[in-house]
Amino acid sequence: MKKRALFLLLTSVITILVLAGCGSNKNDTKNADESNKKQITIATSSAPKPFTYVNDQNELEGYDIDVVKAIFKKIGKYDVDFEKTEFTSVLSGLDTDRYQVGANNFAMNEERKEKYIYSNPIFKNQYVIAVAENTNSIKSFEDLQGKSTEVSPGLNYATALENYNKENPDNKVAINYSEAELLNVLQNVETGKYDFQLIDKAMAQQFIKEHDLKLKLIDLSETDVKRIGSPYSYLLISKTDDGEKLTKEINEALKEATDDGTLTEISEKYFNEDFAPKD
């Protein structure tokens, strides 16, 4: 009986050790798979809100950020890291492949199209002119002649106004370049320091609601919208062989996120409205 009891005890110990070894091997395999994932660095300037910003917990948040997270969760094969940097550094980092993806409410323009790969659209919007509530002298893009505004260099709005000034050298828009936060820019329009601001409608509505800004929005005609560019925003991808492959994977995951309603859910979270591209 003693021998039998000893035999059963030894058998139990061996079984436990084998099972523990199997569990360890599974964990080792899982850890190895995770460590073998290719690193993808997403760059953003953390502005403009609510597309990209830093929240009260000092974490990146926003429409673009959530869309990128959803896309790469669906792809599932990359280790994704976000890096906050200056807007111009997002672009220079894509130039050198330091960053593989830029997420910054990027609009389409021909100059960038030469240097970077655009994803399919991640957001569909409408451009508007924001003016103080008591302003009646601006009703269209043509009325911007001789008026003043404040813009960040390199934005599609700045490019549109620069091109307009080249076409109308005798009555230019007064462009003041600034890296100020958008809230300050809009407050400068509200107080009359500057006459107007070209802006995305969704973003403007959000700021007016959150900060009780005394502004009104003027919809642009289709012709005027074309001055600024396509009413879509995109992700930018570094123009490399790996970037071409990555773009294909991003677009496939983006289509899935659009079809299953993920983008609509994210849009309604930040804008209380569906701005997900459907075409």
Protein backbone atom coordinates (compact mmCIF):
# COMPACT_ATOMS: atom_id res chain seq x y z
CA MET A 1 0.00 0.00 0.00
CA LYS A 2 2.86 2.35 0.86
CA LYS A 3 4.49 1.66 -2.51
CA ARG A 4 1.22 2.32 -4.31
CA ALA A 5 0.70 5.60 -2.45
CA LEU A 6 4.25 6.70 -3.26
CA PHE A 7 3.73 5.80 -6.94
CA LEU A 8 0.53 7.85 -7.12
CA LEU A 9 2.25 10.82 -5.45
CA LEU A 10 5.17 10.74 -7.90
CA THR A 11 2.76 10.46 -10.85
CA SER A 12 0.83 13.53 -9.64
CA VAL A 13 4.01 15.57 -9.22
CA ILE A 14 5.23 14.67 -12.71
CA THR A 15 1.83 15.57 -14.23
CA ILE A 16 1.86 18.99 -12.53
CA LEU A 17 5.39 19.68 -13.76
CA VAL A 18 4.49 18.70 -17.33
CA LEU A 19 1.39 20.90 -17.32
CA ALA A 20 3.37 23.79 -15.88
CA GLY A 21 5.96 23.32 -18.60
CA CYS A 22 3.27 23.35 -21.28
CA GLY A 23 1.78 26.54 -19.86
CA SER A 24 5.20 28.12 -19.78
CA ASN A 25 5.83 27.15 -23.39
CA LYS A 26 2.51 28.68 -24.45
CA ASN A 27 3.32 31.92 -22.63
CA ASP A 28 6.81 31.96 -24.11
CA THR A 29 5.33 31.49 -27.60
CA LYS A 30 2.80 34.26 -27.01
CA ASN A 31 5.49 36.63 -25.73
CA ALA A 32 7.73 35.77 -28.66
CA ASP A 33 4.90 36.48 -31.12
CA GLU A 34 4.24 39.85 -29.48
CA SER A 35 7.91 40.82 -29.44
CA ASN A 36 8.20 39.95 -33.14
CA LYS A 37 5.49 42.43 -34.12
CA LYS A 38 6.80 45.26 -36.29
CA GLN A 39 6.84 48.66 -34.61
CA ILE A 40 4.64 51.37 -36.17
CA THR A 41 5.00 54.93 -34.88
CA ILE A 42 2.03 57.27 -35.35
CA ALA A 43 2.87 60.98 -35.16
CA THR A 44 0.45 63.76 -34.22
CA SER A 45 0.72 67.36 -33.09
CA SER A 46 -2.15 66.90 -30.58
CA ALA A 47 -4.11 69.66 -32.33
CA PRO A 48 -6.68 70.54 -33.53
CA LYS A 49 -9.15 69.32 -30.96
CA PRO A 50 -11.30 67.18 -31.15
CA PHE A 51 -9.39 65.39 -33.94
CA THR A 52 -6.29 65.03 -31.79
CA TYR A 53 -5.54 66.44 -28.32
CA VAL A 54 -4.12 65.64 -24.88
CA ASN A 55 -6.80 64.93 -22.27
CA ASP A 56 -6.79 65.62 -18.51
CA GLN A 57 -4.91 62.37 -17.89
CA ASN A 58 -2.13 63.58 -20.22
CA GLU A 59 -3.14 60.95 -22.80
CA LEU A 60 -3.64 61.43 -26.52
CA GLU A 61 -7.29 61.36 -27.49
CA GLY A 62 -9.53 62.44 -30.36
CA TYR A 63 -11.27 61.30 -33.51
CA ASP A 64 -8.09 60.61 -35.50
CA ILE A 65 -6.49 58.83 -32.54
CA ASP A 66 -9.48 56.53 -32.00
CA VAL A 67 -9.75 55.79 -35.72
CA VAL A 68 -6.08 54.81 -35.88
CA LYS A 69 -6.47 52.56 -32.83
CA ALA A 70 -9.52 50.88 -34.39
CA ILE A 71 -7.72 50.35 -37.70
CA PHE A 72 -4.62 48.79 -36.19
CA LYS A 73 -6.68 46.65 -33.84
CA LYS A 74 -8.35 45.17 -36.92
CA ILE A 75 -4.99 44.68 -38.68
CA GLY A 76 -3.62 43.06 -35.54
CA LYS A 77 -0.03 42.48 -36.66
CA TYR A 78 1.75 45.66 -35.54
CA ASP A 79 2.95 47.10 -32.26
CA VAL A 80 1.62 50.66 -32.41
CA ASP A 81 3.11 53.64 -30.59
CA PHE A 82 1.92 57.27 -30.65
CA GLU A 83 4.31 60.21 -30.52
CA LYS A 84 3.31 63.84 -29.93
CA THR A 85 5.40 66.39 -31.79
CA GLU A 86 5.20 69.71 -33.64
CA PHE A 87 3.03 69.78 -36.76
CA THR A 88 6.02 70.41 -39.05
CA SER A 89 7.91 67.57 -37.34
CA VAL A 90 5.09 65.16 -38.20
CA LEU A 91 5.80 65.82 -41.87
CA SER A 92 9.60 65.79 -41.61
CA GLY A 93 9.39 62.55 -39.61
CA LEU A 94 7.35 60.96 -42.39
CA ASP A 95 10.01 62.15 -44.86
CA THR A 96 12.68 60.13 -43.06
CA ASP A 97 10.43 57.18 -42.08
CA ARG A 98 10.97 58.00 -38.41
CA TYR A 99 7.17 58.01 -38.34
CA GLN A 100 5.22 55.59 -40.49
CA VAL A 101 1.82 57.28 -40.15
CA GLY A 102 0.69 60.86 -39.50
CA ALA A 103 -2.70 61.42 -37.82
CA ASN A 104 -3.51 65.13 -37.77
CA ASN A 105 -6.78 65.88 -39.60
CA PHE A 106 -4.79 66.03 -42.84
CA ALA A 107 -6.53 67.43 -45.90
CA MET A 108 -5.52 66.63 -49.47
CA ASN A 109 -3.21 68.93 -51.36
CA GLU A 110 -1.06 68.35 -54.42
CA GLU A 111 2.23 69.27 -52.76
CA ARG A 112 1.79 66.70 -50.01
CA LYS A 113 0.53 64.15 -52.52
CA GLU A 114 3.97 64.26 -54.16
CA LYS A 115 5.73 63.42 -50.90
CA TYR A 116 3.40 61.14 -48.95
CA ILE A 117 0.89 58.35 -49.42
CA TYR A 118 -2.70 59.20 -48.54
CA SER A 119 -4.99 56.64 -46.98
CA ASN A 120 -8.59 56.45 -48.06
CA PRO A 121 -10.67 59.21 -46.35
CA ILE A 122 -11.27 58.82 -42.62
CA PHE A 123 -13.59 61.84 -42.24
CA LYS A 124 -16.00 63.80 -44.44
CA ASN A 125 -16.73 67.39 -43.56
CA GLN A 126 -17.75 70.79 -44.89
CA TYR A 127 -15.63 73.93 -44.86
CA VAL A 128 -17.14 77.13 -43.48
CA ILE A 129 -16.16 80.73 -42.73
CA ALA A 130 -16.39 81.59 -39.05
CA VAL A 131 -17.13 85.26 -38.30
CA ALA A 132 -18.32 87.25 -35.28
CA GLU A 133 -22.10 87.13 -34.80
CA ASN A 134 -22.51 90.82 -35.67
CA THR A 135 -20.50 90.58 -38.93
CA ASN A 136 -22.58 91.10 -42.08
CA SER A 137 -19.87 92.04 -44.59
CA ILE A 138 -18.75 88.45 -45.27
CA LYS A 139 -21.12 86.10 -47.05
CA SER A 140 -18.78 84.18 -49.39
CA PHE A 141 -15.13 83.54 -50.19
CA GLU A 142 -15.07 86.58 -52.51
CA ASP A 143 -15.87 88.82 -49.55
CA LEU A 144 -12.59 87.87 -47.86
CA GLN A 145 -10.66 90.38 -49.98
CA GLY A 146 -9.12 92.99 -47.72
CA LYS A 147 -10.15 91.08 -44.59
CA SER A 148 -7.78 89.63 -41.99
CA THR A 149 -7.30 86.13 -40.62
CA GLU A 150 -4.90 84.05 -38.54
CA VAL A 151 -3.65 80.68 -39.82
CA SER A 152 -0.99 78.07 -39.14
CA PRO A 153 1.53 77.85 -42.00
CA GLY A 154 1.17 74.73 -44.12
CA LEU A 155 -2.52 74.14 -43.46
CA ASN A 156 -4.81 73.76 -46.45
CA TYR A 157 -6.61 76.98 -45.46
CA ALA A 158 -3.35 78.91 -45.56
CA THR A 159 -2.52 77.47 -48.99
CA ALA A 160 -5.96 78.39 -50.35
CA LEU A 161 -5.61 81.99 -49.15
CA GLU A 162 -2.06 82.26 -50.46
CA ASN A 163 -3.21 81.09 -53.88
CA TYR A 164 -6.12 83.53 -53.75
CA ASN A 165 -3.72 86.39 -53.01
CA LYS A 166 -1.59 85.45 -56.01
CA GLU A 167 -4.70 85.63 -58.18
CA ASN A 168 -5.82 88.94 -56.61
CA PRO A 169 -2.62 90.92 -55.89
CA ASP A 170 -4.46 94.26 -55.72
CA ASN A 171 -6.86 93.25 -52.94
CA LYS A 172 -5.26 90.56 -50.83
CA VAL A 173 -6.45 88.81 -47.72
CA ALA A 174 -4.32 89.89 -44.75
CA ILE A 175 -2.80 86.60 -43.57
CA ASN A 176 -1.27 86.51 -40.10
CA TYR A 177 0.72 83.33 -39.49
CA SER A 178 0.46 81.85 -36.03
CA GLU A 179 0.89 78.61 -34.10
CA ALA A 180 -1.78 79.64 -31.60
CA GLU A 181 -4.29 77.14 -30.25
CA LEU A 182 -7.51 77.03 -32.26
CA LEU A 183 -9.57 78.28 -29.31
CA ASN A 184 -7.44 81.43 -29.14
CA VAL A 185 -7.73 81.86 -32.91
CA LEU A 186 -11.53 81.67 -32.75
CA GLN A 187 -11.65 83.99 -29.76
CA ASN A 188 -9.65 86.51 -31.80
CA VAL A 189 -12.38 86.40 -34.44
CA GLU A 190 -15.08 86.71 -31.79
CA THR A 191 -13.46 89.85 -30.32
CA GLY A 192 -12.82 91.39 -33.76
CA LYS A 193 -9.03 91.19 -33.65
CA TYR A 194 -9.30 89.28 -36.94
CA ASP A 195 -12.20 89.24 -39.38
CA PHE A 196 -12.66 85.55 -40.11
CA GLN A 197 -11.39 82.01 -39.87
CA LEU A 198 -11.68 79.23 -42.45
CA ILE A 199 -12.44 76.05 -40.57
CA ASP A 200 -14.02 72.59 -40.65
CA LYS A 201 -17.71 72.85 -39.81
CA ALA A 202 -17.65 69.95 -37.33
CA MET A 203 -14.72 71.44 -35.45
CA ALA A 204 -16.25 74.92 -35.39
CA GLN A 205 -19.58 73.63 -34.06
CA GLN A 206 -17.74 71.76 -31.30
CA PHE A 207 -15.78 74.82 -30.17
CA ILE A 208 -18.80 77.13 -30.31
CA LYS A 209 -20.78 74.71 -28.15
CA GLU A 210 -18.01 73.98 -25.64
CA HIS A 211 -16.83 77.58 -25.15
CA ASP A 212 -20.03 79.51 -25.87
CA LEU A 213 -18.34 81.48 -28.64
CA LYS A 214 -20.35 84.27 -30.22
CA LEU A 215 -19.64 83.20 -33.80
CA LYS A 216 -21.72 82.32 -36.82
CA LEU A 217 -20.78 79.96 -39.63
CA ILE A 218 -21.13 80.65 -43.35
CA ASP A 219 -21.29 77.61 -45.61
CA LEU A 220 -19.02 77.75 -48.63
CA SER A 221 -20.29 77.09 -52.13
CA GLU A 222 -19.03 74.02 -53.98
CA THR A 223 -16.76 76.28 -56.05
CA ASP A 224 -15.28 77.86 -52.93
CA VAL A 225 -14.82 74.47 -51.26
CA LYS A 226 -12.68 73.45 -54.24
CA ARG A 227 -10.36 76.37 -53.52
CA ILE A 228 -9.49 74.68 -50.24
CA GLY A 229 -9.56 71.10 -51.44
CA SER A 230 -11.47 67.92 -50.93
CA PRO A 231 -13.80 68.02 -47.91
CA TYR A 232 -12.14 64.89 -46.52
CA SER A 233 -9.35 64.23 -44.08
CA TYR A 234 -6.87 61.38 -44.33
CA LEU A 235 -3.98 59.61 -42.68
CA LEU A 236 -0.56 60.24 -44.22
CA ILE A 237 1.82 57.32 -44.69
CA SER A 238 5.55 57.44 -45.28
CA LYS A 239 6.33 57.01 -48.98
CA THR A 240 8.37 53.79 -48.88
CA ASP A 241 7.90 50.22 -50.12
CA ASP A 242 6.75 49.27 -46.62
CA GLY A 243 4.47 52.30 -46.69
CA GLU A 244 2.74 51.03 -49.84
CA LYS A 245 2.04 47.70 -48.15
CA LEU A 246 0.94 49.38 -44.94
CA THR A 247 -1.46 51.68 -46.84
CA LYS A 248 -3.18 48.67 -48.39
CA GLU A 249 -3.64 47.10 -44.95
CA ILE A 250 -4.88 50.40 -43.48
CA ASN A 251 -7.42 50.86 -46.28
CA GLU A 252 -8.75 47.32 -45.91
CA ALA A 253 -9.18 47.78 -42.15
CA LEU A 254 -10.65 51.24 -42.71
CA LYS A 255 -13.31 49.83 -45.06
CA GLU A 256 -14.19 47.22 -42.46
CA ALA A 257 -14.41 49.91 -39.76
CA THR A 258 -16.69 51.97 -42.01
CA ASP A 259 -18.92 49.06 -42.97
CA ASP A 260 -19.38 47.76 -39.42
CA GLY A 261 -20.20 51.22 -38.04
CA THR A 262 -17.01 51.74 -36.01
CA LEU A 263 -16.24 55.10 -37.67
CA THR A 264 -19.81 56.31 -37.19
CA GLU A 265 -19.59 55.40 -33.49
CA ILE A 266 -16.32 57.32 -33.09
CA SER A 267 -17.72 60.33 -34.97
CA GLU A 268 -20.82 60.49 -32.80
CA LYS A 269 -18.62 60.23 -29.70
CA TYR A 270 -16.71 63.40 -30.61
CA PHE A 271 -19.17 65.38 -32.78
CA ASN A 272 -22.65 64.06 -31.91
CA GLU A 273 -23.06 63.61 -35.65
CA ASP A 274 -22.00 61.09 -38.31
CA PHE A 275 -19.10 62.43 -40.38
CA ALA A 276 -17.80 59.02 -41.40
CA PRO A 277 -17.12 58.91 -45.18
CA LYS A 278 -19.60 56.67 -46.98
CA ASP A 279 -18.43 57.02 -50.60
